[in-house]
């Protein structure tokens, strides 16, 4: 949202300035102003999402690599082997 809002806001400023210098009519000036306002509101609206993402980062899933122990039964006991594994941990 931040990137899109900034892009639309900058495009709105360009359209607004171009219509002032070339005087292509009020409709293009209005379009540039509306684009700038929409882009600025969208960019400012992204701030709560950044704040909530920092709070939700603790609840996110984590992928890690570790060695998992495997137990194989044998006649004289248990054989333990280590095998690399990918684990997915989801905190609820």
PDB file of N, CA and C in Angstrom:
ATOM      1  N   UNK A   1       0.818  -1.192   0.000  1.00  0.00           N
ATOM      2  CA  UNK A   1       0.000   0.000   0.000  1.00  0.00           C
ATOM      3  C   UNK A   1       0.863   1.257   0.000  1.00  0.00           C
ATOM      4  N   UNK A   2       1.972   1.185   0.722  1.00  0.00           N
ATOM      5  CA  UNK A   2       2.835   2.362   0.785  1.00  0.00           C
ATOM      6  C   UNK A   2       3.410   2.683  -0.591  1.00  0.00           C
ATOM      7  N   UNK A   3       3.953   1.672  -1.268  1.00  0.00           N
ATOM      8  CA  UNK A   3       4.539   1.894  -2.591  1.00  0.00           C
ATOM      9  C   UNK A   3       3.516   2.338  -3.612  1.00  0.00           C
ATOM     10  N   UNK A   4       2.348   1.703  -3.598  1.00  0.00           N
ATOM     11  CA  UNK A   4       1.295   2.083  -4.536  1.00  0.00           C
ATOM     12  C   UNK A   4       0.779   3.480  -4.270  1.00  0.00           C
ATOM     13  N   UNK A   5       0.627   3.831  -2.989  1.00  0.00           N
ATOM     14  CA  UNK A   5       0.167   5.174  -2.645  1.00  0.00           C
ATOM     15  C   UNK A   5       1.157   6.244  -3.064  1.00  0.00           C
ATOM     16  N   UNK A   6       2.438   5.969  -2.857  1.00  0.00           N
ATOM     17  CA  UNK A   6       3.447   6.939  -3.280  1.00  0.00           C
ATOM     18  C   UNK A   6       3.477   7.096  -4.795  1.00  0.00           C
ATOM     19  N   UNK A   7       3.343   5.976  -5.511  1.00  0.00           N
ATOM     20  CA  UNK A   7       3.364   6.041  -6.974  1.00  0.00           C
ATOM     21  C   UNK A   7       2.173   6.838  -7.505  1.00  0.00           C
ATOM     22  N   UNK A   8       0.983   6.586  -6.957  1.00  0.00           N
ATOM     23  CA  UNK A   8      -0.203   7.318  -7.414  1.00  0.00           C
ATOM     24  C   UNK A   8      -0.110   8.791  -7.018  1.00  0.00           C
ATOM     25  N   UNK A   9       0.420   9.070  -5.833  1.00  0.00           N
ATOM     26  CA  UNK A   9       0.582  10.457  -5.407  1.00  0.00           C
ATOM     27  C   UNK A   9       1.550  11.223  -6.281  1.00  0.00           C
ATOM     28  N   UNK A  10       2.666  10.605  -6.628  1.00  0.00           N
ATOM     29  CA  UNK A  10       3.646  11.272  -7.501  1.00  0.00           C
ATOM     30  C   UNK A  10       3.063  11.468  -8.896  1.00  0.00           C
ATOM     31  N   UNK A  11       2.354  10.453  -9.399  1.00  0.00           N
ATOM     32  CA  UNK A  11       1.711  10.609 -10.710  1.00  0.00           C
ATOM     33  C   UNK A  11       0.676  11.731 -10.669  1.00  0.00           C
ATOM     34  N   UNK A  12      -0.040  11.858  -9.565  1.00  0.00           N
ATOM     35  CA  UNK A  12      -1.010  12.939  -9.431  1.00  0.00           C
ATOM     36  C   UNK A  12      -0.366  14.306  -9.448  1.00  0.00           C
ATOM     37  N   UNK A  13       0.788  14.430  -8.779  1.00  0.00           N
ATOM     38  CA  UNK A  13       1.513  15.709  -8.785  1.00  0.00           C
ATOM     39  C   UNK A  13       1.986  16.035 -10.195  1.00  0.00           C
ATOM     40  N   UNK A  14       2.466  15.030 -10.917  1.00  0.00           N
ATOM     41  CA  UNK A  14       2.943  15.267 -12.287  1.00  0.00           C
ATOM     42  C   UNK A  14       1.786  15.706 -13.184  1.00  0.00           C
ATOM     43  N   UNK A  15       0.648  15.022 -13.081  1.00  0.00           N
ATOM     44  CA  UNK A  15      -0.520  15.392 -13.901  1.00  0.00           C
ATOM     45  C   UNK A  15      -1.002  16.791 -13.530  1.00  0.00           C
ATOM     46  N   UNK A  16      -1.027  17.101 -12.246  1.00  0.00           N
ATOM     47  CA  UNK A  16      -1.483  18.414 -11.786  1.00  0.00           C
ATOM     48  C   UNK A  16      -0.572  19.517 -12.306  1.00  0.00           C
ATOM     49  N   UNK A  17       0.756  19.357 -12.163  1.00  0.00           N
ATOM     50  CA  UNK A  17       1.696  20.379 -12.629  1.00  0.00           C
ATOM     51  C   UNK A  17       1.676  20.530 -14.138  1.00  0.00           C
ATOM     52  N   UNK A  18       1.542  19.403 -14.832  1.00  0.00           N
ATOM     53  CA  UNK A  18       1.525  19.463 -16.290  1.00  0.00           C
ATOM     54  C   UNK A  18       0.287  20.204 -16.788  1.00  0.00           C
ATOM     55  N   UNK A  19      -0.825  19.993 -16.110  1.00  0.00           N
ATOM     56  CA  UNK A  19      -2.055  20.665 -16.553  1.00  0.00           C
ATOM     57  C   UNK A  19      -2.009  22.164 -16.234  1.00  0.00           C
ATOM     58  N   UNK A  20      -1.257  22.561 -15.186  1.00  0.00           N
ATOM     59  CA  UNK A  20      -1.120  23.995 -14.895  1.00  0.00           C
ATOM     60  C   UNK A  20      -0.247  24.697 -15.934  1.00  0.00           C
ATOM     61  N   UNK A  21       0.847  24.038 -16.333  1.00  0.00           N
ATOM     62  CA  UNK A  21       1.763  24.659 -17.278  1.00  0.00           C
ATOM     63  C   UNK A  21       1.189  24.673 -18.695  1.00  0.00           C
ATOM     64  N   UNK A  22       0.520  23.606 -19.066  1.00  0.00           N
ATOM     65  CA  UNK A  22       0.000  23.521 -20.433  1.00  0.00           C
ATOM     66  C   UNK A  22      -1.444  23.994 -20.539  1.00  0.00           C
ATOM     67  N   UNK A  23      -2.100  24.193 -19.414  1.00  0.00           N
ATOM     68  CA  UNK A  23      -3.515  24.542 -19.295  1.00  0.00           C
ATOM     69  C   UNK A  23      -4.365  23.703 -20.235  1.00  0.00           C
ATOM     70  N   UNK A  24      -4.474  22.432 -19.839  1.00  0.00           N
ATOM     71  CA  UNK A  24      -5.271  21.502 -20.629  1.00  0.00           C
ATOM     72  C   UNK A  24      -6.696  21.385 -20.102  1.00  0.00           C
ATOM     73  N   UNK A  25      -7.069  22.196 -19.167  1.00  0.00           N
ATOM     74  CA  UNK A  25      -8.444  22.187 -18.693  1.00  0.00           C
ATOM     75  C   UNK A  25      -8.534  21.839 -17.222  1.00  0.00           C
ATOM     76  N   UNK A  26      -9.692  22.177 -16.660  1.00  0.00           N
ATOM     77  CA  UNK A  26      -9.909  21.929 -15.237  1.00  0.00           C
ATOM     78  C   UNK A  26     -10.077  20.452 -14.921  1.00  0.00           C
ATOM     79  N   UNK A  27     -10.558  19.679 -15.871  1.00  0.00           N
ATOM     80  CA  UNK A  27     -10.794  18.262 -15.583  1.00  0.00           C
ATOM     81  C   UNK A  27      -9.483  17.537 -15.312  1.00  0.00           C
ATOM     82  N   UNK A  28      -8.424  17.865 -16.052  1.00  0.00           N
ATOM     83  CA  UNK A  28      -7.142  17.214 -15.825  1.00  0.00           C
ATOM     84  C   UNK A  28      -6.511  17.720 -14.528  1.00  0.00           C
ATOM     85  N   UNK A  29      -6.721  18.977 -14.195  1.00  0.00           N
ATOM     86  CA  UNK A  29      -6.232  19.506 -12.918  1.00  0.00           C
ATOM     87  C   UNK A  29      -6.930  18.800 -11.765  1.00  0.00           C
ATOM     88  N   UNK A  30      -8.244  18.630 -11.893  1.00  0.00           N
ATOM     89  CA  UNK A  30      -8.988  17.914 -10.855  1.00  0.00           C
ATOM     90  C   UNK A  30      -8.536  16.463 -10.746  1.00  0.00           C
ATOM     91  N   UNK A  31      -8.277  15.830 -11.884  1.00  0.00           N
ATOM     92  CA  UNK A  31      -7.814  14.440 -11.880  1.00  0.00           C
ATOM     93  C   UNK A  31      -6.481  14.324 -11.155  1.00  0.00           C
ATOM     94  N   UNK A  32      -5.567  15.238 -11.416  1.00  0.00           N
ATOM     95  CA  UNK A  32      -4.267  15.222 -10.738  1.00  0.00           C
ATOM     96  C   UNK A  32      -4.406  15.414  -9.240  1.00  0.00           C
ATOM     97  N   UNK A  33      -5.285  16.332  -8.833  1.00  0.00           N
ATOM     98  CA  UNK A  33      -5.501  16.557  -7.406  1.00  0.00           C
ATOM     99  C   UNK A  33      -6.120  15.359  -6.716  1.00  0.00           C
ATOM    100  N   UNK A  34      -7.084  14.725  -7.369  1.00  0.00           N
ATOM    101  CA  UNK A  34      -7.723  13.539  -6.794  1.00  0.00           C
ATOM    102  C   UNK A  34      -6.729  12.386  -6.697  1.00  0.00           C
ATOM    103  N   UNK A  35      -5.887  12.228  -7.719  1.00  0.00           N
ATOM    104  CA  UNK A  35      -4.868  11.172  -7.675  1.00  0.00           C
ATOM    105  C   UNK A  35      -3.901  11.403  -6.527  1.00  0.00           C
ATOM    106  N   UNK A  36      -3.489  12.661  -6.329  1.00  0.00           N
ATOM    107  CA  UNK A  36      -2.573  12.961  -5.233  1.00  0.00           C
ATOM    108  C   UNK A  36      -3.214  12.660  -3.886  1.00  0.00           C
ATOM    109  N   UNK A  37      -4.458  13.081  -3.684  1.00  0.00           N
ATOM    110  CA  UNK A  37      -5.139  12.830  -2.411  1.00  0.00           C
ATOM    111  C   UNK A  37      -5.345  11.339  -2.168  1.00  0.00           C
ATOM    112  N   UNK A  38      -5.730  10.605  -3.205  1.00  0.00           N
ATOM    113  CA  UNK A  38      -5.928   9.163  -3.053  1.00  0.00           C
ATOM    114  C   UNK A  38      -4.612   8.476  -2.718  1.00  0.00           C
ATOM    115  N   UNK A  39      -3.531   8.881  -3.366  1.00  0.00           N
ATOM    116  CA  UNK A  39      -2.224   8.289  -3.083  1.00  0.00           C
ATOM    117  C   UNK A  39      -1.739   8.607  -1.684  1.00  0.00           C
ATOM    118  N   UNK A  40      -1.941   9.843  -1.248  1.00  0.00           N
ATOM    119  CA  UNK A  40      -1.521  10.227   0.101  1.00  0.00           C
ATOM    120  C   UNK A  40      -2.325   9.479   1.157  1.00  0.00           C
ATOM    121  N   UNK A  41      -3.633   9.342   0.943  1.00  0.00           N
ATOM    122  CA  UNK A  41      -4.470   8.596   1.912  1.00  0.00           C
ATOM    123  C   UNK A  41      -4.090   7.124   1.955  1.00  0.00           C
ATOM    124  N   UNK A  42      -3.783   6.555   0.810  1.00  0.00           N
ATOM    125  CA  UNK A  42      -3.379   5.152   0.773  1.00  0.00           C
ATOM    126  C   UNK A  42      -2.041   4.952   1.473  1.00  0.00           C
ATOM    127  N   UNK A  43      -1.098   5.842   1.236  1.00  0.00           N
ATOM    128  CA  UNK A  43       0.211   5.731   1.890  1.00  0.00           C
ATOM    129  C   UNK A  43       0.079   5.895   3.405  1.00  0.00           C
ATOM    130  N   UNK A  44      -0.732   6.840   3.848  1.00  0.00           N
ATOM    131  CA  UNK A  44      -0.953   7.018   5.286  1.00  0.00           C
ATOM    132  C   UNK A  44      -1.751   5.859   5.880  1.00  0.00           C
ATOM    133  N   UNK A  45      -2.633   5.269   5.086  1.00  0.00           N
ATOM    134  CA  UNK A  45      -3.407   4.124   5.548  1.00  0.00           C
ATOM    135  C   UNK A  45      -2.580   2.875   5.750  1.00  0.00           C
ATOM    136  N   UNK A  46      -1.391   2.832   5.158  1.00  0.00           N
ATOM    137  CA  UNK A  46      -0.539   1.651   5.324  1.00  0.00           C
ATOM    138  C   UNK A  46       0.161   1.625   6.684  1.00  0.00           C
ATOM    139  N   UNK A  47       0.199   2.743   7.385  1.00  0.00           N
ATOM    140  CA  UNK A  47       0.900   2.805   8.681  1.00  0.00           C
ATOM    141  C   UNK A  47       0.307   1.830   9.693  1.00  0.00           C
ATOM    142  N   UNK A  48      -1.021   1.730   9.860  1.00  0.00           N
ATOM    143  CA  UNK A  48      -1.546   0.739  10.812  1.00  0.00           C
ATOM    144  C   UNK A  48      -1.178  -0.700  10.457  1.00  0.00           C
ATOM    145  N   UNK A  49      -1.043  -0.982   9.161  1.00  0.00           N
ATOM    146  CA  UNK A  49      -0.658  -2.337   8.761  1.00  0.00           C
ATOM    147  C   UNK A  49       0.779  -2.642   9.168  1.00  0.00           C
ATOM    148  N   UNK A  50       1.685  -1.658   9.075  1.00  0.00           N
ATOM    149  CA  UNK A  50       3.047  -1.863   9.541  1.00  0.00           C
ATOM    150  C   UNK A  50       3.078  -2.093  11.047  1.00  0.00           C
ATOM    151  N   UNK A  51       2.271  -1.356  11.783  1.00  0.00           N
ATOM    152  CA  UNK A  51       2.226  -1.517  13.240  1.00  0.00           C
ATOM    153  C   UNK A  51       1.681  -2.892  13.613  1.00  0.00           C
ATOM    154  N   UNK A  52       0.593  -3.318  12.973  1.00  0.00           N
ATOM    155  CA  UNK A  52       0.019  -4.626  13.302  1.00  0.00           C
ATOM    156  C   UNK A  52       0.932  -5.764  12.868  1.00  0.00           C
ATOM    157  N   UNK A  53       1.715  -5.575  11.817  1.00  0.00           N
ATOM    158  CA  UNK A  53       2.627  -6.638  11.391  1.00  0.00           C
ATOM    159  C   UNK A  53       3.727  -6.871  12.420  1.00  0.00           C
ATOM    160  N   UNK A  54       4.162  -5.834  13.115  1.00  0.00           N
ATOM    161  CA  UNK A  54       5.181  -6.032  14.145  1.00  0.00           C
ATOM    162  C   UNK A  54       4.607  -6.790  15.332  1.00  0.00           C
ATOM    163  N   UNK A  55       3.322  -6.586  15.632  1.00  0.00           N
ATOM    164  CA  UNK A  55       2.688  -7.322  16.720  1.00  0.00           C
ATOM    165  C   UNK A  55       2.428  -8.777  16.331  1.00  0.00           C
ATOM    166  N   UNK A  56       2.122  -9.017  15.059  1.00  0.00           N
ATOM    167  CA  UNK A  56       1.813 -10.370  14.598  1.00  0.00           C
ATOM    168  C   UNK A  56       3.052 -11.180  14.232  1.00  0.00           C
ATOM    169  N   UNK A  57       4.217 -10.556  14.209  1.00  0.00           N
ATOM    170  CA  UNK A  57       5.435 -11.279  13.842  1.00  0.00           C
ATOM    171  C   UNK A  57       5.747 -12.384  14.844  1.00  0.00           C
ATOM    172  N   UNK A  58       5.350 -12.200  16.085  1.00  0.00           N
ATOM    173  CA  UNK A  58       5.608 -13.213  17.105  1.00  0.00           C
ATOM    174  C   UNK A  58       4.746 -14.451  16.900  1.00  0.00           C
ATOM    175  N   UNK A  59       3.616 -14.288  16.239  1.00  0.00           N
ATOM    176  CA  UNK A  59       2.693 -15.393  16.016  1.00  0.00           C
ATOM    177  C   UNK A  59       2.937 -16.105  14.687  1.00  0.00           C
ATOM    178  N   UNK A  60       3.867 -15.636  13.918  1.00  0.00           N
ATOM    179  CA  UNK A  60       4.081 -16.171  12.580  1.00  0.00           C
ATOM    180  C   UNK A  60       4.706 -17.562  12.633  1.00  0.00           C
ATOM    181  N   UNK A  61       4.534 -18.288  11.553  1.00  0.00           N
ATOM    182  CA  UNK A  61       5.121 -19.616  11.446  1.00  0.00           C
ATOM    183  C   UNK A  61       6.621 -19.493  11.202  1.00  0.00           C
ATOM    184  N   UNK A  62       7.357 -20.482  11.683  1.00  0.00           N
ATOM    185  CA  UNK A  62       8.806 -20.476  11.514  1.00  0.00           C
ATOM    186  C   UNK A  62       9.238 -21.775  10.841  1.00  0.00           C
ATOM    187  N   UNK A  63      10.075 -21.660   9.845  1.00  0.00           N
ATOM    188  CA  UNK A  63      10.637 -22.830   9.157  1.00  0.00           C
ATOM    189  C   UNK A  63      12.091 -22.924   9.560  1.00  0.00           C
ATOM    190  N   UNK A  64      12.503 -24.121   9.967  1.00  0.00           N
ATOM    191  CA  UNK A  64      13.896 -24.295  10.374  1.00  0.00           C
ATOM    192  C   UNK A  64      14.407 -25.661   9.925  1.00  0.00           C
ATOM    193  N   UNK A  65      15.711 -25.785   9.889  1.00  0.00           N
ATOM    194  CA  UNK A  65      16.366 -27.037   9.555  1.00  0.00           C
ATOM    195  C   UNK A  65      17.038 -27.559  10.810  1.00  0.00           C
ATOM    196  N   UNK A  66      16.847 -28.840  11.078  1.00  0.00           N
ATOM    197  CA  UNK A  66      17.523 -29.433  12.217  1.00  0.00           C
ATOM    198  C   UNK A  66      17.688 -30.921  11.967  1.00  0.00           C
ATOM    199  N   UNK A  67      18.505 -31.546  12.784  1.00  0.00           N
ATOM    200  CA  UNK A  67      18.700 -32.986  12.696  1.00  0.00           C
ATOM    201  C   UNK A  67      17.717 -33.680  13.628  1.00  0.00           C
ATOM    202  N   UNK A  68      16.950 -34.584  13.063  1.00  0.00           N
ATOM    203  CA  UNK A  68      15.948 -35.317  13.821  1.00  0.00           C
ATOM    204  C   UNK A  68      16.492 -36.714  14.122  1.00  0.00           C
ATOM    205  N   UNK A  69      16.303 -37.128  15.347  1.00  0.00           N
ATOM    206  CA  UNK A  69      16.774 -38.455  15.731  1.00  0.00           C
ATOM    207  C   UNK A  69      15.730 -39.497  15.366  1.00  0.00           C
ATOM    208  N   UNK A  70      16.198 -40.573  14.742  1.00  0.00           N
ATOM    209  CA  UNK A  70      15.337 -41.692  14.388  1.00  0.00           C
ATOM    210  C   UNK A  70      15.770 -42.909  15.204  1.00  0.00           C
ATOM    211  N   UNK A  71      14.802 -43.602  15.741  1.00  0.00           N
ATOM    212  CA  UNK A  71      15.086 -44.787  16.553  1.00  0.00           C
ATOM    213  C   UNK A  71      14.678 -46.023  15.765  1.00  0.00           C
ATOM    214  N   UNK A  72      15.651 -46.926  15.560  1.00  0.00           N
ATOM    215  CA  UNK A  72      15.405 -48.171  14.856  1.00  0.00           C
ATOM    216  C   UNK A  72      15.579 -49.332  15.835  1.00  0.00           C
ATOM    217  N   UNK A  73      14.574 -50.205  15.926  1.00  0.00           N
ATOM    218  CA  UNK A  73      14.721 -51.351  16.822  1.00  0.00           C
ATOM    219  C   UNK A  73      15.685 -52.381  16.244  1.00  0.00           C
ATOM    220  N   UNK A  74      16.477 -52.948  17.127  1.00  0.00           N
ATOM    221  CA  UNK A  74      17.404 -54.024  16.770  1.00  0.00           C
ATOM    222  C   UNK A  74      17.242 -55.132  17.785  1.00  0.00           C
ATOM    223  N   UNK A  75      17.811 -56.250  17.492  1.00  0.00           N
ATOM    224  CA  UNK A  75      17.696 -57.380  18.411  1.00  0.00           C
ATOM    225  C   UNK A  75      18.413 -57.108  19.730  1.00  0.00           C
ATOM    226  N   UNK A  76      19.519 -56.393  19.659  1.00  0.00           N
ATOM    227  CA  UNK A  76      20.285 -56.136  20.874  1.00  0.00           C
ATOM    228  C   UNK A  76      20.012 -54.756  21.483  1.00  0.00           C
ATOM    229  N   UNK A  77      18.991 -54.066  21.029  1.00  0.00           N
ATOM    230  CA  UNK A  77      18.667 -52.748  21.590  1.00  0.00           C
ATOM    231  C   UNK A  77      18.054 -51.842  20.538  1.00  0.00           C
ATOM    232  N   UNK A  78      18.401 -50.573  20.630  1.00  0.00           N
ATOM    233  CA  UNK A  78      17.847 -49.563  19.728  1.00  0.00           C
ATOM    234  C   UNK A  78      19.000 -48.848  19.044  1.00  0.00           C
ATOM    235  N   UNK A  79      18.874 -48.671  17.738  1.00  0.00           N
ATOM    236  CA  UNK A  79      19.871 -47.942  16.963  1.00  0.00           C
ATOM    237  C   UNK A  79      19.344 -46.530  16.737  1.00  0.00           C
ATOM    238  N   UNK A  80      20.133 -45.525  17.070  1.00  0.00           N
ATOM    239  CA  UNK A  80      19.741 -44.128  16.909  1.00  0.00           C
ATOM    240  C   UNK A  80      20.544 -43.529  15.763  1.00  0.00           C
ATOM    241  N   UNK A  81      19.808 -42.996  14.783  1.00  0.00           N
ATOM    242  CA  UNK A  81      20.448 -42.323  13.647  1.00  0.00           C
ATOM    243  C   UNK A  81      19.901 -40.905  13.558  1.00  0.00           C
ATOM    244  N   UNK A  82      20.706 -40.029  13.013  1.00  0.00           N
ATOM    245  CA  UNK A  82      20.316 -38.634  12.843  1.00  0.00           C
ATOM    246  C   UNK A  82      20.036 -38.376  11.366  1.00  0.00           C
ATOM    247  N   UNK A  83      18.924 -37.699  11.105  1.00  0.00           N
ATOM    248  CA  UNK A  83      18.533 -37.404   9.738  1.00  0.00           C
ATOM    249  C   UNK A  83      18.166 -35.929   9.636  1.00  0.00           C
ATOM    250  N   UNK A  84      18.668 -35.216   8.624  1.00  0.00           N
ATOM    251  CA  UNK A  84      18.286 -33.810   8.464  1.00  0.00           C
ATOM    252  C   UNK A  84      16.800 -33.698   8.127  1.00  0.00           C
ATOM    253  N   UNK A  85      16.152 -32.682   8.700  1.00  0.00           N
ATOM    254  CA  UNK A  85      14.724 -32.503   8.490  1.00  0.00           C
ATOM    255  C   UNK A  85      14.380 -31.016   8.435  1.00  0.00           C
ATOM    256  N   UNK A  86      13.304 -30.718   7.733  1.00  0.00           N
ATOM    257  CA  UNK A  86      12.754 -29.372   7.686  1.00  0.00           C
ATOM    258  C   UNK A  86      11.545 -29.368   8.612  1.00  0.00           C
ATOM    259  N   UNK A  87      11.515 -28.425   9.555  1.00  0.00           N
ATOM    260  CA  UNK A  87      10.405 -28.354  10.505  1.00  0.00           C
ATOM    261  C   UNK A  87       9.629 -27.062  10.289  1.00  0.00           C
ATOM    262  N   UNK A  88       8.339 -27.155  10.469  1.00  0.00           N
ATOM    263  CA  UNK A  88       7.442 -26.000  10.397  1.00  0.00           C
ATOM    264  C   UNK A  88       6.761 -25.877  11.734  1.00  0.00           C
ATOM    265  N   UNK A  89       7.001 -24.749  12.415  1.00  0.00           N
ATOM    266  CA  UNK A  89       6.435 -24.515  13.735  1.00  0.00           C
ATOM    267  C   UNK A  89       5.405 -23.396  13.617  1.00  0.00           C
ATOM    268  N   UNK A  90       4.158 -23.711  14.029  1.00  0.00           N
ATOM    269  CA  UNK A  90       3.082 -22.741  13.965  1.00  0.00           C
ATOM    270  C   UNK A  90       2.649 -22.436  15.399  1.00  0.00           C
ATOM    271  N   UNK A  91       2.831 -21.197  15.829  1.00  0.00           N
ATOM    272  CA  UNK A  91       2.411 -20.791  17.161  1.00  0.00           C
ATOM    273  C   UNK A  91       0.950 -20.412  17.126  1.00  0.00           C
ATOM    274  N   UNK A  92       0.175 -21.030  17.989  1.00  0.00           N
ATOM    275  CA  UNK A  92      -1.254 -20.716  18.038  1.00  0.00           C
ATOM    276  C   UNK A  92      -1.619 -19.946  19.262  1.00  0.00           C
TER     277      UNK A  92
END
